[in-house]
Amino acid sequence: MFLGVSFTSSSTGQVQQQQFYPASQGIKAGTKIFAVVADDPDTLFQVAVVSGTTVITGVGITAIGNNATLVQNAGSTTTGNSKVAILDTTGTGSGLPIRIIDVVRDTETTVGDVFPEVIVKINATMHQYNAPLGV
């Protein structure tokens, strides 16, 4: 998971740290680009729950432990914020790439109701570090 980048700008000569790396970014000659990645298979992420693309919905507390499908929405080129989400339809199938670990209780819409944000992790069989076959 790409978290950010550090590079020396060709226009200012200053080190820049950003959440995203624009394709048009000029890099000072003779310098390097450093990407920050999270490669720990146990890393937890907070994500939004959507009904399709970017329409926020939610899941009930019973979704904890279920698996979900990722929705690959385009992120913001202004802020660098991701818009990747998960579908509100969850299940137990081993082919689903994401496991719901918890709900974000501060986002609850009504007491005991729906949570539009959840804490997730990549399912073990989907992460290369846990894959039984070599690369």
Protein backbone atom coordinates (compact mmCIF):
# COMPACT_ATOMS: atom_id res chain seq x y z
CA MET A 1 0.00 0.00 0.00
CA PHE A 2 1.52 3.30 -1.14
CA LEU A 3 1.41 5.87 1.69
CA GLY A 4 3.46 8.73 0.31
CA VAL A 5 6.62 9.97 -1.35
CA SER A 6 9.64 12.15 -0.65
CA PHE A 7 11.65 13.86 -3.41
CA THR A 8 13.60 17.04 -4.20
CA SER A 9 11.65 19.39 -6.44
CA SER A 10 13.42 20.56 -9.61
CA SER A 11 11.67 23.95 -9.42
CA THR A 12 12.34 24.83 -5.75
CA GLY A 13 15.27 22.58 -4.82
CA GLN A 14 13.36 21.75 -1.63
CA VAL A 15 12.53 18.31 -0.30
CA GLN A 16 8.80 17.64 -0.75
CA GLN A 17 6.72 15.06 1.11
CA GLN A 18 3.33 14.20 -0.37
CA GLN A 19 0.63 11.55 -0.13
CA PHE A 20 0.70 11.05 -3.91
CA TYR A 21 3.15 11.39 -6.78
CA PRO A 22 1.89 13.34 -9.81
CA ALA A 23 3.19 12.07 -13.14
CA SER A 24 4.19 15.61 -14.14
CA GLN A 25 6.37 16.15 -11.05
CA GLY A 26 9.86 17.49 -11.82
CA ILE A 27 12.70 15.96 -9.80
CA LYS A 28 16.03 17.69 -9.22
CA ALA A 29 18.77 16.01 -11.28
CA GLY A 30 20.99 13.65 -9.30
CA THR A 31 18.43 13.13 -6.51
CA LYS A 32 16.30 10.14 -5.64
CA ILE A 33 12.61 9.52 -5.03
CA PHE A 34 11.64 7.63 -1.86
CA ALA A 35 8.29 5.87 -1.65
CA VAL A 36 6.72 5.02 1.70
CA VAL A 37 4.81 1.74 1.63
CA ALA A 38 2.99 -0.40 4.17
CA ASP A 39 3.87 -4.01 3.40
CA ASP A 40 3.01 -5.64 6.73
CA PRO A 41 0.18 -8.12 6.06
CA ASP A 42 -1.33 -7.22 9.45
CA THR A 43 -1.65 -3.49 8.74
CA LEU A 44 -5.12 -2.14 9.52
CA PHE A 45 -6.87 0.48 7.38
CA GLN A 46 -9.91 2.67 7.97
CA VAL A 47 -12.17 2.72 4.90
CA ALA A 48 -15.57 3.98 3.87
CA VAL A 49 -18.43 1.63 3.00
CA VAL A 50 -20.21 2.30 -0.32
CA SER A 51 -23.17 0.88 -2.19
CA GLY A 52 -21.49 1.01 -5.58
CA THR A 53 -18.93 3.63 -6.44
CA THR A 54 -18.81 6.64 -4.13
CA VAL A 55 -22.29 6.56 -2.52
CA ILE A 56 -21.62 6.18 1.21
CA THR A 57 -23.79 3.62 2.98
CA GLY A 58 -22.71 1.41 5.87
CA VAL A 59 -22.77 -1.98 7.51
CA GLY A 60 -24.15 -3.24 10.79
CA ILE A 61 -21.98 -4.43 13.66
CA THR A 62 -22.67 -8.01 12.52
CA ALA A 63 -20.36 -7.39 9.54
CA ILE A 64 -17.34 -7.71 11.86
CA GLY A 65 -15.44 -10.82 10.76
CA ASN A 66 -16.97 -10.85 7.29
CA ASN A 67 -15.08 -10.35 4.06
CA ALA A 68 -15.69 -7.61 1.51
CA THR A 69 -14.91 -6.46 -2.02
CA LEU A 70 -12.73 -3.42 -2.74
CA VAL A 71 -14.08 -0.56 -4.85
CA GLN A 72 -11.21 1.15 -6.70
CA ASN A 73 -12.42 4.76 -6.99
CA ALA A 74 -10.02 7.40 -8.36
CA GLY A 75 -8.31 9.37 -5.58
CA SER A 76 -7.94 13.13 -5.31
CA THR A 77 -5.08 14.67 -7.29
CA THR A 78 -5.42 17.80 -5.13
CA THR A 79 -5.10 16.28 -1.66
CA GLY A 80 -3.71 12.84 -2.46
CA ASN A 81 -6.47 11.25 -0.40
CA SER A 82 -7.57 7.80 -1.49
CA LYS A 83 -11.18 7.04 -2.35
CA VAL A 84 -10.79 3.27 -2.27
CA ALA A 85 -13.72 1.81 -0.35
CA ILE A 86 -15.45 -1.50 0.30
CA LEU A 87 -18.88 -2.65 -0.86
CA ASP A 88 -21.67 -2.85 1.69
CA THR A 89 -22.39 -6.41 0.57
CA THR A 90 -20.21 -8.63 2.75
CA GLY A 91 -19.79 -12.38 2.99
CA THR A 92 -17.66 -15.26 4.14
CA GLY A 93 -16.17 -16.31 0.79
CA SER A 94 -12.42 -16.87 0.77
CA GLY A 95 -12.11 -15.09 -2.59
CA LEU A 96 -12.99 -11.71 -1.08
CA PRO A 97 -9.78 -9.70 -0.49
CA ILE A 98 -10.66 -7.69 2.63
CA ARG A 99 -11.62 -8.72 6.19
CA ILE A 100 -13.69 -6.37 8.37
CA ILE A 101 -11.97 -6.24 11.77
CA ASP A 102 -14.18 -3.64 13.46
CA VAL A 103 -16.59 -0.79 12.85
CA VAL A 104 -15.62 2.83 13.51
CA ARG A 105 -18.03 3.50 16.35
CA ASP A 106 -17.71 7.30 16.10
CA THR A 107 -19.30 7.13 12.63
CA GLU A 108 -22.46 5.33 13.76
CA THR A 109 -25.50 6.95 12.16
CA THR A 110 -27.95 5.96 14.92
CA VAL A 111 -27.42 3.92 18.08
CA GLY A 112 -27.04 0.25 17.10
CA ASP A 113 -27.62 1.05 13.47
CA VAL A 114 -25.22 1.51 10.55
CA PHE A 115 -21.51 2.30 10.44
CA PRO A 116 -20.26 4.05 7.25
CA GLU A 117 -16.60 3.44 8.14
CA VAL A 118 -14.85 0.24 9.18
CA ILE A 119 -11.40 -1.05 10.10
CA VAL A 120 -10.12 -3.67 7.66
CA LYS A 121 -7.09 -5.75 6.77
CA ILE A 122 -5.98 -7.59 3.66
CA ASN A 123 -6.99 -11.26 3.86
CA ALA A 124 -3.99 -13.53 4.42
CA THR A 125 -4.43 -15.44 1.17
CA MET A 126 -4.46 -12.17 -0.81
CA HIS A 127 -1.18 -10.75 0.55
CA GLN A 128 2.00 -11.85 -1.23
CA TYR A 129 3.86 -12.42 2.07
CA ASN A 130 1.31 -15.09 3.00
CA ALA A 131 0.96 -16.66 -0.44
CA PRO A 132 2.04 -20.30 -0.62
CA LEU A 133 3.72 -19.87 -4.03
CA GLY A 134 6.96 -17.99 -4.55
CA VAL A 135 7.34 -15.06 -6.90
